[in-house]
Amino acid sequence: MIDVPVRVEVIPGKDLVERLRTHLAAPAVVTVTCLPHHGPREAVEVAVQLADAGYTVIPHLAARSIGNRADVGRYVAQCLDAGISDVFVIGGDAAEAAGPYAWSGALMEDIAELSAGALGMGIAVYPEGHPATGDEELATALRAKQELASWCVTQLCFSQQTLRAYPARLRRDGVTLPVWAGIPGPVRMSRLLRLAGNIGVGQSLGFVKRSAGGANTGSVVRQLLSSASYDPAPLVDALDGAGYEGLHVYSFNDLAELAASGLTGAPA
């Protein structure tokens, strides 16, 4: 595998800090996802716990799950007090906005103001497109958000060809941010398929299935159907020289599998 910086995404859950200590030593870079059923409050609280344990932490903040500006101010203060220097700002999967933030750009403006620029911000980018937004509209939104952002992460993608070509495509669209490749870790397939609808994997799995006639994606489908665990090594190797800043590994909390794979990379 290529030797690049790695960030590991985890989901808030029972004994997470202890499990990370067992399988991924601090000060590894860990990002804490924000799902609708637990919201940004839990994501930030878990991030603070991990920062106290010595990890470099990036909590996710989902715009549509935040009720008001006062909540944003509290999350910003918690992050800064814990020594957290970056947050990942997304629109989120909530069907309706809980407060004034219908999209991530509005939340980014308030974070920039409330933190006085002390918090760096990452944004999501979409190699396979966005189900609710056309390509041209999406490119316009990304160009607008990059004025406040410091980096971006691709939505999880299984396609070698799509992911390898994406940094150049972003540059053509005028997005110049450093790009992290969002890839699946060596997760057990039973867990991946069970969580697909809750963690944003469903769209990429659907893309793989629709594209199964291609040489690369067909092999992925066969692996998904026949293997006990997904092996990210071929995908990682295909990204060498593609222009990525590093790897953002979606672990699905399968931390023992991740540790055994060696996919922890160089420090970010």
Protein backbone atom coordinates (compact mmCIF):
# COMPACT_ATOMS: atom_id res chain seq x y z
CA MET A 1 0.00 0.00 0.00
CA ILE A 2 1.06 3.59 -0.53
CA ASP A 3 2.62 5.38 2.44
CA VAL A 4 0.42 8.42 3.03
CA PRO A 5 -1.24 10.15 5.98
CA VAL A 6 -4.35 8.38 7.25
CA ARG A 7 -7.38 9.55 9.17
CA VAL A 8 -9.73 6.97 10.67
CA GLU A 9 -13.45 7.65 10.90
CA VAL A 10 -15.31 6.11 13.84
CA ILE A 11 -18.92 6.01 14.98
CA PRO A 12 -19.81 6.97 18.58
CA GLY A 13 -20.51 3.79 20.50
CA LYS A 14 -19.93 1.76 23.63
CA ASP A 15 -16.32 1.45 24.84
CA LEU A 16 -15.02 3.36 21.81
CA VAL A 17 -12.15 5.04 23.66
CA GLU A 18 -10.97 1.74 25.14
CA ARG A 19 -11.22 -0.05 21.80
CA LEU A 20 -9.24 2.68 20.07
CA ARG A 21 -6.54 2.47 22.72
CA THR A 22 -6.32 -1.26 22.06
CA HIS A 23 -6.16 -1.10 18.27
CA LEU A 24 -5.00 2.42 17.28
CA ALA A 25 -2.48 4.25 19.42
CA ALA A 26 -2.66 7.98 20.09
CA PRO A 27 -1.91 10.47 18.63
CA ALA A 28 -3.54 8.93 15.55
CA VAL A 29 -5.98 11.17 13.70
CA VAL A 30 -9.58 10.10 14.35
CA THR A 31 -12.73 11.66 12.93
CA VAL A 32 -16.04 11.19 14.75
CA THR A 33 -19.10 10.85 12.56
CA CYS A 34 -22.42 12.58 13.27
CA LEU A 35 -25.46 10.44 12.47
CA PRO A 36 -29.05 11.69 12.84
CA HIS A 37 -29.90 9.37 15.72
CA HIS A 38 -27.17 10.75 18.01
CA GLY A 39 -26.51 14.20 16.52
CA PRO A 40 -23.64 16.67 16.84
CA ARG A 41 -23.80 16.88 20.61
CA GLU A 42 -22.67 13.27 21.04
CA ALA A 43 -20.13 13.59 18.22
CA VAL A 44 -18.49 16.55 19.98
CA GLU A 45 -18.61 14.91 23.41
CA VAL A 46 -16.94 11.77 22.06
CA ALA A 47 -14.37 13.91 20.25
CA VAL A 48 -13.51 15.70 23.49
CA GLN A 49 -13.05 12.34 25.25
CA LEU A 50 -10.72 11.17 22.50
CA ALA A 51 -8.76 14.43 22.58
CA ASP A 52 -8.33 14.00 26.34
CA ALA A 53 -6.99 10.49 25.61
CA GLY A 54 -4.31 11.97 23.35
CA TYR A 55 -5.84 11.52 19.90
CA THR A 56 -5.92 14.18 17.20
CA VAL A 57 -9.65 14.47 16.67
CA ILE A 58 -11.98 15.92 14.03
CA PRO A 59 -15.67 15.89 15.01
CA HIS A 60 -18.37 16.01 12.34
CA LEU A 61 -21.03 18.72 12.60
CA ALA A 62 -24.23 18.12 10.61
CA ALA A 63 -25.96 21.38 9.76
CA ARG A 64 -29.53 20.10 9.63
CA SER A 65 -29.20 18.47 13.06
CA ILE A 66 -28.24 21.70 14.88
CA GLY A 67 -31.07 23.59 16.56
CA ASN A 68 -29.66 27.10 16.92
CA ARG A 69 -26.61 29.34 16.85
CA ALA A 70 -26.16 28.98 20.64
CA ASP A 71 -25.57 25.25 20.14
CA VAL A 72 -22.92 26.05 17.54
CA GLY A 73 -21.21 28.39 19.98
CA ARG A 74 -21.17 25.65 22.62
CA TYR A 75 -19.70 23.08 20.21
CA VAL A 76 -17.04 25.55 19.08
CA ALA A 77 -16.09 26.34 22.68
CA GLN A 78 -15.90 22.63 23.59
CA CYS A 79 -13.63 21.95 20.63
CA LEU A 80 -11.29 24.84 21.31
CA ASP A 81 -11.11 24.05 25.03
CA ALA A 82 -10.12 20.45 24.16
CA GLY A 83 -7.40 21.55 21.75
CA ILE A 84 -9.36 20.41 18.69
CA SER A 85 -8.30 22.43 15.67
CA ASP A 86 -10.54 21.10 12.86
CA VAL A 87 -14.16 20.12 12.32
CA PHE A 88 -15.84 18.40 9.38
CA VAL A 89 -18.98 20.28 8.31
CA ILE A 90 -21.72 18.47 6.40
CA GLY A 91 -25.35 19.09 5.56
CA GLY A 92 -26.37 15.85 7.24
CA ASP A 93 -29.06 13.26 6.58
CA ALA A 94 -31.89 14.68 8.69
CA ALA A 95 -35.04 14.95 6.60
CA GLU A 96 -35.78 18.44 7.95
CA ALA A 97 -33.53 21.10 9.45
CA ALA A 98 -33.79 21.29 13.24
CA GLY A 99 -32.88 24.96 13.18
CA PRO A 100 -31.58 27.72 10.89
CA TYR A 101 -28.97 25.62 9.05
CA ALA A 102 -30.55 24.12 5.95
CA TRP A 103 -27.13 23.60 4.35
CA SER A 104 -23.54 23.34 5.48
CA GLY A 105 -22.43 26.70 4.04
CA ALA A 106 -24.54 28.66 6.53
CA LEU A 107 -23.14 26.64 9.42
CA MET A 108 -19.59 27.22 8.18
CA GLU A 109 -20.11 30.98 8.27
CA ASP A 110 -21.17 30.86 11.92
CA ILE A 111 -18.33 28.51 12.89
CA ALA A 112 -15.82 30.86 11.27
CA GLU A 113 -17.27 33.82 13.15
CA LEU A 114 -17.72 32.12 16.53
CA SER A 115 -14.24 30.57 16.48
CA ALA A 116 -12.63 33.77 15.13
CA GLY A 117 -11.08 31.61 12.44
CA ALA A 118 -9.39 29.27 14.94
CA LEU A 119 -11.19 26.15 13.71
CA GLY A 120 -10.24 24.73 10.33
CA MET A 121 -13.12 23.20 8.41
CA GLY A 122 -13.38 20.26 6.04
CA ILE A 123 -16.21 19.69 3.57
CA ALA A 124 -17.59 16.69 1.71
CA VAL A 125 -17.10 16.15 -2.02
CA TYR A 126 -18.84 13.59 -4.20
CA PRO A 127 -16.99 11.44 -6.78
CA GLU A 128 -20.24 9.72 -7.78
CA GLY A 129 -22.38 12.85 -7.65
CA HIS A 130 -25.00 13.91 -5.12
CA PRO A 131 -28.47 12.34 -5.24
CA ALA A 132 -30.23 15.67 -4.64
CA THR A 133 -27.98 18.04 -6.62
CA GLY A 134 -26.90 18.27 -10.25
CA ASP A 135 -23.21 18.32 -11.13
CA GLU A 136 -23.11 21.99 -12.12
CA GLU A 137 -25.00 23.13 -9.03
CA LEU A 138 -22.79 20.97 -6.87
CA ALA A 139 -19.60 22.44 -8.35
CA THR A 140 -20.93 25.97 -7.72
CA ALA A 141 -21.69 25.12 -4.08
CA LEU A 142 -18.23 23.61 -3.56
CA ARG A 143 -16.51 26.68 -5.00
CA ALA A 144 -18.52 28.86 -2.61
CA LYS A 145 -17.76 26.73 0.45
CA GLN A 146 -14.04 26.44 -0.27
CA GLU A 147 -13.66 30.11 0.70
CA LEU A 148 -14.11 28.99 4.33
CA ALA A 149 -12.80 25.42 4.07
CA SER A 150 -9.27 24.09 4.55
CA TRP A 151 -9.65 20.60 3.01
CA CYS A 152 -12.22 18.19 1.64
CA VAL A 153 -13.03 14.47 1.90
CA THR A 154 -14.65 12.32 -0.76
CA GLN A 155 -17.81 10.46 0.04
CA LEU A 156 -17.00 6.77 0.38
CA CYS A 157 -16.32 5.23 -3.02
CA PHE A 158 -15.44 1.68 -4.11
CA SER A 159 -14.59 2.47 -7.73
CA GLN A 160 -10.86 2.65 -8.51
CA GLN A 161 -11.38 4.51 -11.79
CA THR A 162 -13.83 7.05 -10.36
CA LEU A 163 -11.75 7.82 -7.29
CA ARG A 164 -8.45 8.01 -9.15
CA ALA A 165 -9.84 10.53 -11.64
CA TYR A 166 -11.62 12.69 -9.11
CA PRO A 167 -8.88 15.14 -7.92
CA ALA A 168 -8.28 16.23 -11.52
CA ARG A 169 -12.03 16.63 -12.02
CA LEU A 170 -12.27 18.84 -8.93
CA ARG A 171 -9.47 21.04 -10.24
CA ARG A 172 -11.29 21.42 -13.56
CA ASP A 173 -14.34 22.54 -11.58
CA GLY A 174 -12.29 25.20 -9.79
CA VAL A 175 -12.02 23.43 -6.43
CA THR A 176 -8.43 23.74 -5.24
CA LEU A 177 -8.66 22.36 -1.68
CA PRO A 178 -6.44 19.49 -0.53
CA VAL A 179 -8.44 16.28 -1.10
CA TRP A 180 -8.61 13.23 1.17
CA ALA A 181 -9.79 9.98 -0.42
CA GLY A 182 -12.70 8.44 1.47
CA ILE A 183 -12.20 4.68 1.30
CA PRO A 184 -13.69 1.70 3.13
CA GLY A 185 -11.47 0.01 5.66
CA PRO A 186 -11.12 -3.78 5.89
CA VAL A 187 -14.59 -4.13 7.32
CA ARG A 188 -16.50 -7.39 7.73
CA MET A 189 -19.00 -7.58 4.89
CA SER A 190 -21.89 -8.48 7.15
CA ARG A 191 -21.33 -5.26 9.10
CA LEU A 192 -20.85 -3.13 5.99
CA LEU A 193 -24.11 -4.31 4.44
CA ARG A 194 -25.98 -3.95 7.73
CA LEU A 195 -24.85 -0.33 8.21
CA ALA A 196 -24.99 0.72 4.55
CA GLY A 197 -28.19 2.73 4.78
CA ASN A 198 -27.17 4.52 7.97
CA ILE A 199 -23.63 5.63 7.17
CA GLY A 200 -23.81 6.84 3.59
CA VAL A 201 -22.51 3.66 2.00
CA GLY A 202 -25.73 2.75 0.25
CA GLN A 203 -25.22 5.15 -2.64
CA SER A 204 -21.74 3.84 -3.40
CA LEU A 205 -22.86 0.22 -3.15
CA GLY A 206 -25.65 1.05 -5.58
CA PHE A 207 -23.14 2.63 -7.94
CA VAL A 208 -20.99 -0.49 -7.81
CA LYS A 209 -23.93 -2.74 -8.59
CA ARG A 210 -25.14 -0.56 -11.48
CA SER A 211 -21.62 -0.50 -12.92
CA ALA A 212 -20.92 -4.19 -12.50
CA GLY A 213 -20.31 -4.64 -16.23
CA GLY A 214 -16.97 -2.80 -15.95
CA ALA A 215 -13.79 -4.73 -15.27
CA ASN A 216 -12.91 -2.99 -12.01
CA THR A 217 -16.36 -2.62 -10.50
CA GLY A 218 -17.34 -6.17 -11.43
CA SER A 219 -14.47 -7.50 -9.35
CA VAL A 220 -15.65 -5.37 -6.42
CA VAL A 221 -19.14 -6.81 -6.68
CA ARG A 222 -17.73 -10.34 -6.66
CA GLN A 223 -15.71 -9.52 -3.56
CA LEU A 224 -18.70 -7.98 -1.82
CA LEU A 225 -20.75 -11.09 -2.46
CA SER A 226 -18.13 -13.74 -1.76
CA SER A 227 -15.74 -12.43 0.90
CA ALA A 228 -15.97 -12.33 4.67
CA SER A 229 -14.23 -8.93 4.67
CA TYR A 230 -13.66 -6.17 2.17
CA ASP A 231 -9.99 -5.77 1.20
CA PRO A 232 -9.14 -2.10 0.44
CA ALA A 233 -5.58 -2.81 -0.77
CA PRO A 234 -6.32 -2.76 -4.54
CA LEU A 235 -8.24 0.50 -4.19
CA VAL A 236 -5.48 2.11 -2.12
CA ASP A 237 -2.80 1.03 -4.58
CA ALA A 238 -4.81 2.48 -7.48
CA LEU A 239 -4.72 5.95 -5.86
CA ASP A 240 -0.92 6.24 -5.93
CA GLY A 241 -0.05 9.43 -7.80
CA ALA A 242 -3.68 10.55 -8.17
CA GLY A 243 -3.16 13.75 -6.17
CA TYR A 244 -4.70 12.92 -2.81
CA GLU A 245 -3.48 14.49 0.43
CA GLY A 246 -4.10 11.23 2.29
CA LEU A 247 -6.65 8.57 3.10
CA HIS A 248 -9.83 9.02 5.10
CA VAL A 249 -10.63 5.46 6.17
CA TYR A 250 -14.23 4.63 7.04
CA SER A 251 -13.63 2.03 9.75
CA PHE A 252 -17.27 1.27 10.70
CA ASN A 253 -15.68 0.66 14.13
CA ASP A 254 -14.14 -2.58 12.84
CA LEU A 255 -10.95 -1.55 14.60
CA ALA A 256 -9.42 -5.00 15.05
CA GLU A 257 -9.66 -5.62 11.28
CA LEU A 258 -8.14 -2.19 10.63
CA ALA A 259 -5.21 -2.79 12.97
CA ALA A 260 -4.53 -6.20 11.45
CA SER A 261 -4.48 -4.74 7.93
CA GLY A 262 -1.72 -2.23 8.65
CA LEU A 263 -3.82 0.48 7.01
CA THR A 264 -2.92 3.14 9.54
CA GLY A 265 -0.37 4.97 7.40
CA ALA A 266 1.97 7.82 8.21
CA PRO A 267 1.08 10.59 10.70
CA ALA A 268 -1.16 13.29 9.20
